Amino acid sequence: MYFITSISDWRLITPKFPVVVKIGHAHAGNGKVKIETHHQFQDIASVVALSKSYAATEQYIESKYDIHIQKIGTHYKAFLYIDHDWQMTPMDFQWHHGKIWNNLSVIRRKSISGNWKANTGSAMLEQVQMNDRYKLWVDECCKIFGGLDVLVVEAIQGKDGKEYIIG
């Protein structure tokens, strides 16, 4: 990941494409652009320069789904935002993620918009079970920040089979 505060910083980096450029306080799909080539990268650099904001770049991860795990008090939930062209059955989820937590829930959202930003457009939801890995992630993050009662961990399940914590 590169954090860029001035136009001259853009000339110093040569990222491996594709990348995602996040301009300013980007969230909810806003302020983010997927860049495929160095020509596009140069173009977005000029846009960022005019915005008078900072920008960050990070490697684009081709994802199967986004994962949002939340803890509110003693209640845990995980939401899977699934790409429009990939299906996962509850058996796949159990096999891939190991132990299943029977009293905690996971909600799976299947995108039908086809956008590279998994959190935009229309979607269908399906509820499945929570697993111990996600609970561990949330609990450890809560400890790091002094025992939080409310927390969300964001991750991506890549098409390469790896999970990436992104926020």
N, C-alpha and C. Protein backbone atom coordinates (compact mmCIF):
# COMPACT_ATOMS: atom_id res chain seq x y z
N MET A 1 0.84 -1.17 0.00
CA MET A 1 0.00 0.00 0.00
C MET A 1 0.89 1.23 0.00
N TYR A 2 0.51 2.21 -0.79
CA TYR A 2 1.20 3.50 -0.84
C TYR A 2 0.25 4.58 -0.36
N PHE A 3 0.74 5.50 0.45
CA PHE A 3 -0.02 6.65 0.91
C PHE A 3 0.58 7.87 0.26
N ILE A 4 -0.21 8.61 -0.50
CA ILE A 4 0.31 9.68 -1.34
C ILE A 4 -0.31 11.01 -0.91
N THR A 5 0.53 12.01 -0.63
CA THR A 5 0.02 13.31 -0.19
C THR A 5 0.30 14.43 -1.17
N SER A 6 1.16 14.21 -2.16
CA SER A 6 1.42 15.26 -3.15
C SER A 6 1.63 14.64 -4.52
N ILE A 7 1.45 15.46 -5.56
CA ILE A 7 1.58 14.97 -6.93
C ILE A 7 2.97 14.43 -7.21
N SER A 8 3.99 14.99 -6.58
CA SER A 8 5.36 14.50 -6.81
C SER A 8 5.53 13.08 -6.27
N ASP A 9 4.76 12.70 -5.25
CA ASP A 9 4.83 11.33 -4.73
C ASP A 9 4.42 10.30 -5.77
N TRP A 10 3.50 10.66 -6.67
CA TRP A 10 3.01 9.72 -7.68
C TRP A 10 4.12 9.31 -8.64
N ARG A 11 5.08 10.19 -8.86
CA ARG A 11 6.17 9.89 -9.79
C ARG A 11 7.18 8.93 -9.19
N LEU A 12 7.15 8.77 -7.88
CA LEU A 12 8.13 7.93 -7.19
C LEU A 12 7.75 6.46 -7.10
N ILE A 13 6.50 6.15 -7.40
CA ILE A 13 6.05 4.77 -7.24
C ILE A 13 5.66 4.15 -8.57
N THR A 14 5.87 2.87 -8.68
CA THR A 14 5.43 2.10 -9.83
C THR A 14 4.75 0.84 -9.31
N PRO A 15 3.45 0.93 -9.05
CA PRO A 15 2.77 -0.22 -8.48
C PRO A 15 2.58 -1.34 -9.50
N LYS A 16 2.35 -2.53 -9.00
CA LYS A 16 1.99 -3.66 -9.85
C LYS A 16 0.48 -3.56 -10.09
N PHE A 17 0.08 -3.53 -11.34
CA PHE A 17 -1.32 -3.35 -11.70
C PHE A 17 -2.03 -4.69 -11.78
N PRO A 18 -3.33 -4.70 -11.53
CA PRO A 18 -4.20 -3.57 -11.22
C PRO A 18 -4.09 -3.16 -9.75
N VAL A 19 -4.43 -1.88 -9.49
CA VAL A 19 -4.46 -1.34 -8.14
C VAL A 19 -5.80 -0.63 -7.93
N VAL A 20 -6.11 -0.39 -6.67
CA VAL A 20 -7.26 0.44 -6.32
C VAL A 20 -6.70 1.72 -5.72
N VAL A 21 -7.15 2.86 -6.23
CA VAL A 21 -6.77 4.15 -5.68
C VAL A 21 -7.95 4.66 -4.86
N LYS A 22 -7.69 4.98 -3.61
CA LYS A 22 -8.71 5.53 -2.71
C LYS A 22 -8.36 6.99 -2.47
N ILE A 23 -9.28 7.87 -2.81
CA ILE A 23 -9.05 9.31 -2.70
C ILE A 23 -9.76 9.83 -1.45
N GLY A 24 -8.99 10.49 -0.58
CA GLY A 24 -9.57 11.05 0.64
C GLY A 24 -10.12 9.96 1.54
N HIS A 25 -11.18 10.31 2.27
CA HIS A 25 -11.80 9.36 3.20
C HIS A 25 -12.80 8.50 2.42
N ALA A 26 -12.28 7.58 1.60
CA ALA A 26 -13.12 6.74 0.75
C ALA A 26 -13.80 5.65 1.57
N HIS A 27 -15.10 5.49 1.38
CA HIS A 27 -15.84 4.42 2.03
C HIS A 27 -17.13 4.17 1.26
N ALA A 28 -17.75 3.04 1.50
CA ALA A 28 -19.03 2.66 0.88
C ALA A 28 -18.97 2.70 -0.65
N GLY A 29 -17.80 2.40 -1.22
CA GLY A 29 -17.68 2.38 -2.67
C GLY A 29 -17.39 3.73 -3.29
N ASN A 30 -17.46 4.80 -2.52
CA ASN A 30 -17.21 6.15 -3.04
C ASN A 30 -15.73 6.49 -2.92
N GLY A 31 -15.22 7.26 -3.89
CA GLY A 31 -13.83 7.72 -3.84
C GLY A 31 -12.81 6.66 -4.18
N LYS A 32 -13.24 5.57 -4.83
CA LYS A 32 -12.33 4.47 -5.18
C LYS A 32 -12.36 4.24 -6.69
N VAL A 33 -11.18 4.00 -7.26
CA VAL A 33 -11.06 3.77 -8.69
C VAL A 33 -10.13 2.59 -8.91
N LYS A 34 -10.55 1.65 -9.76
CA LYS A 34 -9.68 0.53 -10.13
C LYS A 34 -8.84 0.96 -11.33
N ILE A 35 -7.51 0.83 -11.20
CA ILE A 35 -6.57 1.27 -12.22
C ILE A 35 -5.87 0.03 -12.79
N GLU A 36 -5.92 -0.11 -14.13
CA GLU A 36 -5.37 -1.29 -14.79
C GLU A 36 -4.00 -1.06 -15.43
N THR A 37 -3.68 0.19 -15.79
CA THR A 37 -2.44 0.47 -16.51
C THR A 37 -1.73 1.70 -15.95
N HIS A 38 -0.46 1.87 -16.33
CA HIS A 38 0.27 3.05 -15.87
C HIS A 38 -0.29 4.34 -16.49
N HIS A 39 -0.91 4.25 -17.68
CA HIS A 39 -1.54 5.43 -18.28
C HIS A 39 -2.73 5.89 -17.44
N GLN A 40 -3.54 4.95 -17.01
CA GLN A 40 -4.67 5.29 -16.13
C GLN A 40 -4.15 5.84 -14.80
N PHE A 41 -3.04 5.28 -14.33
CA PHE A 41 -2.46 5.74 -13.07
C PHE A 41 -2.03 7.20 -13.18
N GLN A 42 -1.42 7.57 -14.31
CA GLN A 42 -1.03 8.97 -14.53
C GLN A 42 -2.25 9.88 -14.60
N ASP A 43 -3.32 9.40 -15.25
CA ASP A 43 -4.55 10.19 -15.34
C ASP A 43 -5.16 10.45 -13.96
N ILE A 44 -5.24 9.42 -13.15
CA ILE A 44 -5.85 9.61 -11.82
C ILE A 44 -4.97 10.48 -10.94
N ALA A 45 -3.67 10.47 -11.16
CA ALA A 45 -2.77 11.34 -10.39
C ALA A 45 -3.14 12.81 -10.59
N SER A 46 -3.50 13.18 -11.82
CA SER A 46 -3.88 14.58 -12.08
C SER A 46 -5.22 14.91 -11.42
N VAL A 47 -6.12 13.96 -11.36
CA VAL A 47 -7.40 14.17 -10.68
C VAL A 47 -7.19 14.37 -9.19
N VAL A 48 -6.35 13.53 -8.60
CA VAL A 48 -6.05 13.64 -7.17
C VAL A 48 -5.39 14.98 -6.87
N ALA A 49 -4.50 15.43 -7.76
CA ALA A 49 -3.81 16.71 -7.55
C ALA A 49 -4.82 17.85 -7.47
N LEU A 50 -5.86 17.82 -8.30
CA LEU A 50 -6.88 18.86 -8.28
C LEU A 50 -7.80 18.76 -7.06
N SER A 51 -7.92 17.57 -6.50
CA SER A 51 -8.83 17.37 -5.36
C SER A 51 -8.27 17.95 -4.07
N LYS A 52 -6.97 18.21 -4.03
CA LYS A 52 -6.30 18.71 -2.83
C LYS A 52 -6.55 17.80 -1.63
N SER A 53 -6.58 16.51 -1.90
CA SER A 53 -6.77 15.50 -0.86
C SER A 53 -5.63 14.50 -0.95
N TYR A 54 -5.53 13.66 0.05
CA TYR A 54 -4.54 12.58 0.00
C TYR A 54 -5.14 11.40 -0.76
N ALA A 55 -4.31 10.45 -1.11
CA ALA A 55 -4.78 9.23 -1.77
C ALA A 55 -3.94 8.06 -1.29
N ALA A 56 -4.50 6.88 -1.38
CA ALA A 56 -3.78 5.65 -1.05
C ALA A 56 -3.99 4.67 -2.18
N THR A 57 -2.98 3.89 -2.49
CA THR A 57 -3.13 2.82 -3.47
C THR A 57 -2.89 1.49 -2.77
N GLU A 58 -3.61 0.49 -3.22
CA GLU A 58 -3.38 -0.86 -2.70
C GLU A 58 -3.63 -1.85 -3.83
N GLN A 59 -3.00 -2.99 -3.72
CA GLN A 59 -3.14 -4.02 -4.74
C GLN A 59 -4.60 -4.43 -4.87
N TYR A 60 -5.10 -4.52 -6.09
CA TYR A 60 -6.46 -5.01 -6.33
C TYR A 60 -6.46 -6.52 -6.11
N ILE A 61 -7.43 -6.99 -5.35
CA ILE A 61 -7.57 -8.42 -5.09
C ILE A 61 -8.85 -8.89 -5.76
N GLU A 62 -8.71 -9.81 -6.71
CA GLU A 62 -9.90 -10.37 -7.34
C GLU A 62 -10.58 -11.24 -6.30
N SER A 63 -11.80 -10.88 -5.95
CA SER A 63 -12.43 -11.52 -4.80
C SER A 63 -13.58 -12.44 -5.17
N LYS A 64 -13.77 -13.44 -4.30
CA LYS A 64 -14.98 -14.25 -4.34
C LYS A 64 -16.07 -13.51 -3.58
N TYR A 65 -15.68 -12.95 -2.43
CA TYR A 65 -16.64 -12.21 -1.61
C TYR A 65 -15.91 -11.34 -0.60
N ASP A 66 -16.62 -10.33 -0.11
CA ASP A 66 -16.16 -9.51 1.00
C ASP A 66 -16.72 -10.10 2.28
N ILE A 67 -15.99 -9.92 3.37
CA ILE A 67 -16.40 -10.44 4.68
C ILE A 67 -16.43 -9.27 5.66
N HIS A 68 -17.55 -9.09 6.34
CA HIS A 68 -17.66 -8.09 7.40
C HIS A 68 -18.09 -8.82 8.66
N ILE A 69 -17.22 -8.83 9.66
CA ILE A 69 -17.51 -9.51 10.92
C ILE A 69 -17.72 -8.43 11.97
N GLN A 70 -18.86 -8.48 12.65
CA GLN A 70 -19.14 -7.46 13.65
C GLN A 70 -19.34 -8.07 15.02
N LYS A 71 -18.95 -7.30 16.03
CA LYS A 71 -19.20 -7.66 17.42
C LYS A 71 -19.88 -6.47 18.08
N ILE A 72 -21.02 -6.73 18.67
CA ILE A 72 -21.72 -5.73 19.48
C ILE A 72 -22.00 -6.41 20.81
N GLY A 73 -21.27 -6.01 21.85
CA GLY A 73 -21.39 -6.67 23.15
C GLY A 73 -20.92 -8.11 23.03
N THR A 74 -21.81 -9.06 23.32
CA THR A 74 -21.48 -10.48 23.21
C THR A 74 -22.07 -11.10 21.95
N HIS A 75 -22.60 -10.29 21.05
CA HIS A 75 -23.24 -10.78 19.83
C HIS A 75 -22.29 -10.61 18.65
N TYR A 76 -22.11 -11.69 17.89
CA TYR A 76 -21.23 -11.70 16.73
C TYR A 76 -22.06 -12.01 15.49
N LYS A 77 -21.75 -11.34 14.37
CA LYS A 77 -22.35 -11.68 13.08
C LYS A 77 -21.30 -11.45 12.01
N ALA A 78 -21.36 -12.25 10.97
CA ALA A 78 -20.49 -12.05 9.81
C ALA A 78 -21.36 -11.96 8.58
N PHE A 79 -21.03 -11.03 7.71
CA PHE A 79 -21.77 -10.83 6.48
C PHE A 79 -20.82 -11.09 5.32
N LEU A 80 -21.21 -12.00 4.44
CA LEU A 80 -20.41 -12.30 3.25
C LEU A 80 -21.08 -11.65 2.05
N TYR A 81 -20.36 -10.76 1.38
CA TYR A 81 -20.85 -10.10 0.18
C TYR A 81 -20.23 -10.81 -1.01
N ILE A 82 -21.03 -11.63 -1.68
CA ILE A 82 -20.51 -12.55 -2.69
C ILE A 82 -20.66 -11.99 -4.10
N ASP A 83 -19.60 -12.17 -4.91
CA ASP A 83 -19.58 -11.75 -6.30
C ASP A 83 -20.69 -12.44 -7.08
N HIS A 84 -21.16 -11.79 -8.13
CA HIS A 84 -22.31 -12.26 -8.90
C HIS A 84 -22.05 -13.57 -9.65
N ASP A 85 -20.80 -13.91 -9.93
CA ASP A 85 -20.54 -15.09 -10.76
C ASP A 85 -19.98 -16.27 -9.97
N TRP A 86 -20.08 -16.25 -8.65
CA TRP A 86 -19.52 -17.32 -7.84
C TRP A 86 -20.53 -17.78 -6.82
N GLN A 87 -20.68 -19.08 -6.65
CA GLN A 87 -21.63 -19.65 -5.70
C GLN A 87 -20.89 -20.45 -4.65
N MET A 88 -21.35 -20.40 -3.42
CA MET A 88 -20.77 -21.18 -2.34
C MET A 88 -21.91 -21.82 -1.57
N THR A 89 -21.83 -23.11 -1.37
CA THR A 89 -22.85 -23.81 -0.60
C THR A 89 -22.46 -23.82 0.87
N PRO A 90 -23.41 -24.05 1.79
CA PRO A 90 -23.05 -24.17 3.20
C PRO A 90 -21.98 -25.24 3.45
N MET A 91 -21.98 -26.34 2.68
CA MET A 91 -20.97 -27.38 2.84
C MET A 91 -19.59 -26.84 2.45
N ASP A 92 -19.50 -26.04 1.36
CA ASP A 92 -18.23 -25.42 0.98
C ASP A 92 -17.72 -24.55 2.10
N PHE A 93 -18.62 -23.78 2.71
CA PHE A 93 -18.23 -22.87 3.79
C PHE A 93 -17.67 -23.65 4.96
N GLN A 94 -18.34 -24.75 5.34
CA GLN A 94 -17.88 -25.55 6.47
C GLN A 94 -16.54 -26.19 6.15
N TRP A 95 -16.38 -26.71 4.95
CA TRP A 95 -15.12 -27.37 4.59
C TRP A 95 -13.98 -26.36 4.56
N HIS A 96 -14.23 -25.19 3.96
CA HIS A 96 -13.17 -24.20 3.78
C HIS A 96 -12.76 -23.53 5.08
N HIS A 97 -13.69 -23.30 5.97
CA HIS A 97 -13.41 -22.51 7.17
C HIS A 97 -13.30 -23.33 8.45
N GLY A 98 -13.44 -24.63 8.37
CA GLY A 98 -13.24 -25.45 9.57
C GLY A 98 -14.43 -25.47 10.49
N LYS A 99 -14.16 -25.40 11.80
CA LYS A 99 -15.19 -25.52 12.82
C LYS A 99 -16.32 -24.50 12.62
N ILE A 100 -17.53 -24.94 12.84
CA ILE A 100 -18.71 -24.08 12.71
C ILE A 100 -19.24 -23.72 14.09
N TRP A 101 -19.58 -22.45 14.28
CA TRP A 101 -20.20 -21.98 15.52
C TRP A 101 -21.71 -22.05 15.34
N ASN A 102 -22.38 -22.97 16.03
CA ASN A 102 -23.80 -23.18 15.83
C ASN A 102 -24.68 -22.04 16.34
N ASN A 103 -24.23 -21.29 17.33
CA ASN A 103 -25.08 -20.25 17.90
C ASN A 103 -24.80 -18.86 17.32
N LEU A 104 -23.94 -18.75 16.35
CA LEU A 104 -23.62 -17.47 15.75
C LEU A 104 -23.94 -17.53 14.26
N SER A 105 -24.29 -16.39 13.68
CA SER A 105 -24.76 -16.43 12.30
C SER A 105 -23.85 -15.68 11.34
N VAL A 106 -23.90 -16.10 10.10
CA VAL A 106 -23.22 -15.43 9.00
C VAL A 106 -24.29 -15.18 7.95
N ILE A 107 -24.31 -13.99 7.40
CA ILE A 107 -25.25 -13.70 6.33
C ILE A 107 -24.47 -13.53 5.05
N ARG A 108 -24.88 -14.24 4.03
CA ARG A 108 -24.20 -14.22 2.74
C ARG A 108 -25.00 -13.33 1.79
N ARG A 109 -24.34 -12.38 1.15
CA ARG A 109 -25.01 -11.52 0.18
C ARG A 109 -24.45 -11.82 -1.20
N LYS A 110 -25.32 -12.13 -2.14
CA LYS A 110 -24.91 -12.41 -3.51
C LYS A 110 -25.19 -11.18 -4.36
N SER A 111 -24.13 -10.56 -4.87
CA SER A 111 -24.27 -9.37 -5.69
C SER A 111 -24.89 -9.72 -7.03
N ILE A 112 -25.78 -8.87 -7.51
CA ILE A 112 -26.36 -9.08 -8.84
C ILE A 112 -26.06 -7.90 -9.76
N SER A 113 -25.19 -6.98 -9.31
CA SER A 113 -24.88 -5.79 -10.11
C SER A 113 -23.70 -6.00 -11.05
N GLY A 114 -22.76 -6.91 -10.70
CA GLY A 114 -21.59 -7.15 -11.53
C GLY A 114 -20.49 -6.11 -11.39
N ASN A 115 -20.60 -5.19 -10.45
CA ASN A 115 -19.59 -4.16 -10.24
C ASN A 115 -18.39 -4.76 -9.52
N TRP A 116 -17.17 -4.26 -9.81
CA TRP A 116 -15.98 -4.76 -9.11
C TRP A 116 -16.00 -4.39 -7.65
N LYS A 117 -16.75 -3.34 -7.30
CA LYS A 117 -16.93 -2.96 -5.90
C LYS A 117 -18.06 -3.83 -5.35
N ALA A 118 -17.72 -4.79 -4.54
CA ALA A 118 -18.71 -5.76 -4.06
C ALA A 118 -19.78 -5.13 -3.18
N ASN A 119 -19.53 -3.92 -2.67
CA ASN A 119 -20.49 -3.31 -1.76
C ASN A 119 -21.42 -2.32 -2.45
N THR A 120 -21.50 -2.35 -3.78
CA THR A 120 -22.41 -1.45 -4.49
C THR A 120 -23.41 -2.26 -5.29
N GLY A 121 -24.55 -1.65 -5.60
CA GLY A 121 -25.56 -2.32 -6.40
C GLY A 121 -26.51 -3.15 -5.58
N SER A 122 -27.30 -3.97 -6.27
CA SER A 122 -28.31 -4.81 -5.64
C SER A 122 -27.71 -6.14 -5.20
N ALA A 123 -28.38 -6.79 -4.25
CA ALA A 123 -27.85 -8.06 -3.75
C ALA A 123 -28.96 -8.91 -3.17
N MET A 124 -28.67 -10.20 -3.04
CA MET A 124 -29.54 -11.14 -2.35
C MET A 124 -28.78 -11.65 -1.13
N LEU A 125 -29.48 -11.84 -0.02
CA LEU A 125 -28.84 -12.30 1.21
C LEU A 125 -29.21 -13.74 1.51
N GLU A 126 -28.25 -14.47 2.07
CA GLU A 126 -28.49 -15.84 2.53
C GLU A 126 -27.76 -16.00 3.86
N GLN A 127 -28.43 -16.57 4.86
CA GLN A 127 -27.80 -16.74 6.17
C GLN A 127 -27.14 -18.10 6.27
N VAL A 128 -25.89 -18.11 6.79
CA VAL A 128 -25.15 -19.34 7.07
C VAL A 128 -24.54 -19.22 8.46
N GLN A 129 -23.70 -20.15 8.87
CA GLN A 129 -23.14 -20.19 10.22
C GLN A 129 -21.83 -19.41 10.32
N MET A 130 -21.55 -18.85 11.51
CA MET A 130 -20.30 -18.16 11.83
C MET A 130 -19.21 -19.20 12.10
N ASN A 131 -17.93 -18.86 11.86
CA ASN A 131 -16.86 -19.82 12.17
C ASN A 131 -15.88 -19.25 13.19
N ASP A 132 -15.04 -20.11 13.75
CA ASP A 132 -14.14 -19.71 14.84
C ASP A 132 -13.02 -18.76 14.39
N ARG A 133 -12.60 -18.83 13.13
CA ARG A 133 -11.54 -17.94 12.64
C ARG A 133 -12.00 -16.48 12.71
N TYR A 134 -13.21 -16.19 12.25
CA TYR A 134 -13.73 -14.83 12.25
C TYR A 134 -13.94 -14.32 13.67
N LYS A 135 -14.41 -15.19 14.55
CA LYS A 135 -14.60 -14.81 15.95
C LYS A 135 -13.24 -14.46 16.57
N LEU A 136 -12.23 -15.23 16.26
CA LEU A 136 -10.88 -14.96 16.76
C LEU A 136 -10.38 -13.60 16.26
N TRP A 137 -10.58 -13.30 14.97
CA TRP A 137 -10.16 -12.02 14.42
C TRP A 137 -10.77 -10.86 15.20
N VAL A 138 -12.08 -10.93 15.41
CA VAL A 138 -12.78 -9.85 16.11
C VAL A 138 -12.30 -9.75 17.55
N ASP A 139 -12.20 -10.88 18.24
CA ASP A 139 -11.77 -10.86 19.64
C ASP A 139 -10.36 -10.30 19.80
N GLU A 140 -9.44 -10.68 18.92
CA GLU A 140 -8.07 -10.18 19.00
C GLU A 140 -8.01 -8.67 18.71
N CYS A 141 -8.78 -8.21 17.74
CA CYS A 141 -8.81 -6.77 17.45
C CYS A 141 -9.39 -6.00 18.63
N CYS A 142 -10.41 -6.55 19.27
CA CYS A 142 -10.98 -5.90 20.46
C CYS A 142 -9.93 -5.77 21.55
N LYS A 143 -9.12 -6.81 21.74
CA LYS A 143 -8.05 -6.76 22.76
C LYS A 143 -7.01 -5.69 22.42
N ILE A 144 -6.62 -5.63 21.15
CA ILE A 144 -5.61 -4.65 20.72
C ILE A 144 -6.05 -3.23 21.06
N PHE A 145 -7.34 -2.96 20.92
CA PHE A 145 -7.86 -1.62 21.17
C PHE A 145 -8.46 -1.46 22.56
N GLY A 146 -8.00 -2.29 23.51
CA GLY A 146 -8.37 -2.09 24.90
C GLY A 146 -9.69 -2.69 25.34
N GLY A 147 -10.20 -3.68 24.62
CA GLY A 147 -11.43 -4.34 25.05
C GLY A 147 -12.70 -3.69 24.53
N LEU A 148 -12.74 -3.38 23.25
CA LEU A 148 -13.91 -2.73 22.66
C LEU A 148 -15.15 -3.62 22.74
N ASP A 149 -16.31 -3.01 22.89
CA ASP A 149 -17.59 -3.73 22.87
C ASP A 149 -18.22 -3.72 21.48
N VAL A 150 -17.82 -2.76 20.64
CA VAL A 150 -18.37 -2.65 19.29
C VAL A 150 -17.19 -2.58 18.32
N LEU A 151 -17.18 -3.47 17.32
CA LEU A 151 -16.07 -3.52 16.38
C LEU A 151 -16.51 -4.22 15.10
N VAL A 152 -15.95 -3.80 13.97
CA VAL A 152 -16.15 -4.50 12.69
C VAL A 152 -14.79 -4.77 12.08
N VAL A 153 -14.57 -5.99 11.61
CA VAL A 153 -13.38 -6.37 10.86
C VAL A 153 -13.82 -6.62 9.43
N GLU A 154 -13.11 -6.01 8.47
CA GLU A 154 -13.42 -6.20 7.06
C GLU A 154 -12.31 -7.02 6.41
N ALA A 155 -12.70 -7.97 5.58
CA ALA A 155 -11.74 -8.83 4.90
C ALA A 155 -12.26 -9.17 3.51
N ILE A 156 -11.38 -9.73 2.70
CA ILE A 156 -11.75 -10.20 1.36
C ILE A 156 -11.30 -11.65 1.23
N GLN A 157 -12.16 -12.49 0.69
CA GLN A 157 -11.78 -13.85 0.30
C GLN A 157 -11.40 -13.76 -1.17
N GLY A 158 -10.11 -13.90 -1.47
CA GLY A 158 -9.65 -13.81 -2.84
C GLY A 158 -9.97 -15.06 -3.63
N LYS A 159 -10.00 -14.92 -4.95
CA LYS A 159 -10.20 -16.08 -5.81
C LYS A 159 -9.00 -17.01 -5.76
N ASP A 160 -7.89 -16.52 -5.16
CA ASP A 160 -6.71 -17.36 -4.96
C ASP A 160 -6.84 -18.24 -3.72
N GLY A 161 -7.98 -18.12 -3.01
CA GLY A 161 -8.23 -18.94 -1.83
C GLY A 161 -7.75 -18.33 -0.52
N LYS A 162 -7.04 -17.20 -0.58
CA LYS A 162 -6.53 -16.56 0.63
C LYS A 162 -7.53 -15.53 1.15
N GLU A 163 -7.49 -15.30 2.47
CA GLU A 163 -8.29 -14.26 3.09
C GLU A 163 -7.38 -13.08 3.43
N TYR A 164 -7.83 -11.88 3.12
CA TYR A 164 -7.06 -10.66 3.34
C TYR A 164 -7.85 -9.72 4.24
N ILE A 165 -7.32 -9.40 5.42
CA ILE A 165 -7.96 -8.42 6.28
C ILE A 165 -7.61 -7.04 5.74
N ILE A 166 -8.64 -6.24 5.46
CA ILE A 166 -8.41 -4.93 4.85
C ILE A 166 -8.82 -3.77 5.75
N GLY A 167 -9.50 -4.04 6.82
CA GLY A 167 -9.90 -2.93 7.69
C GLY A 167 -10.59 -3.39 8.94
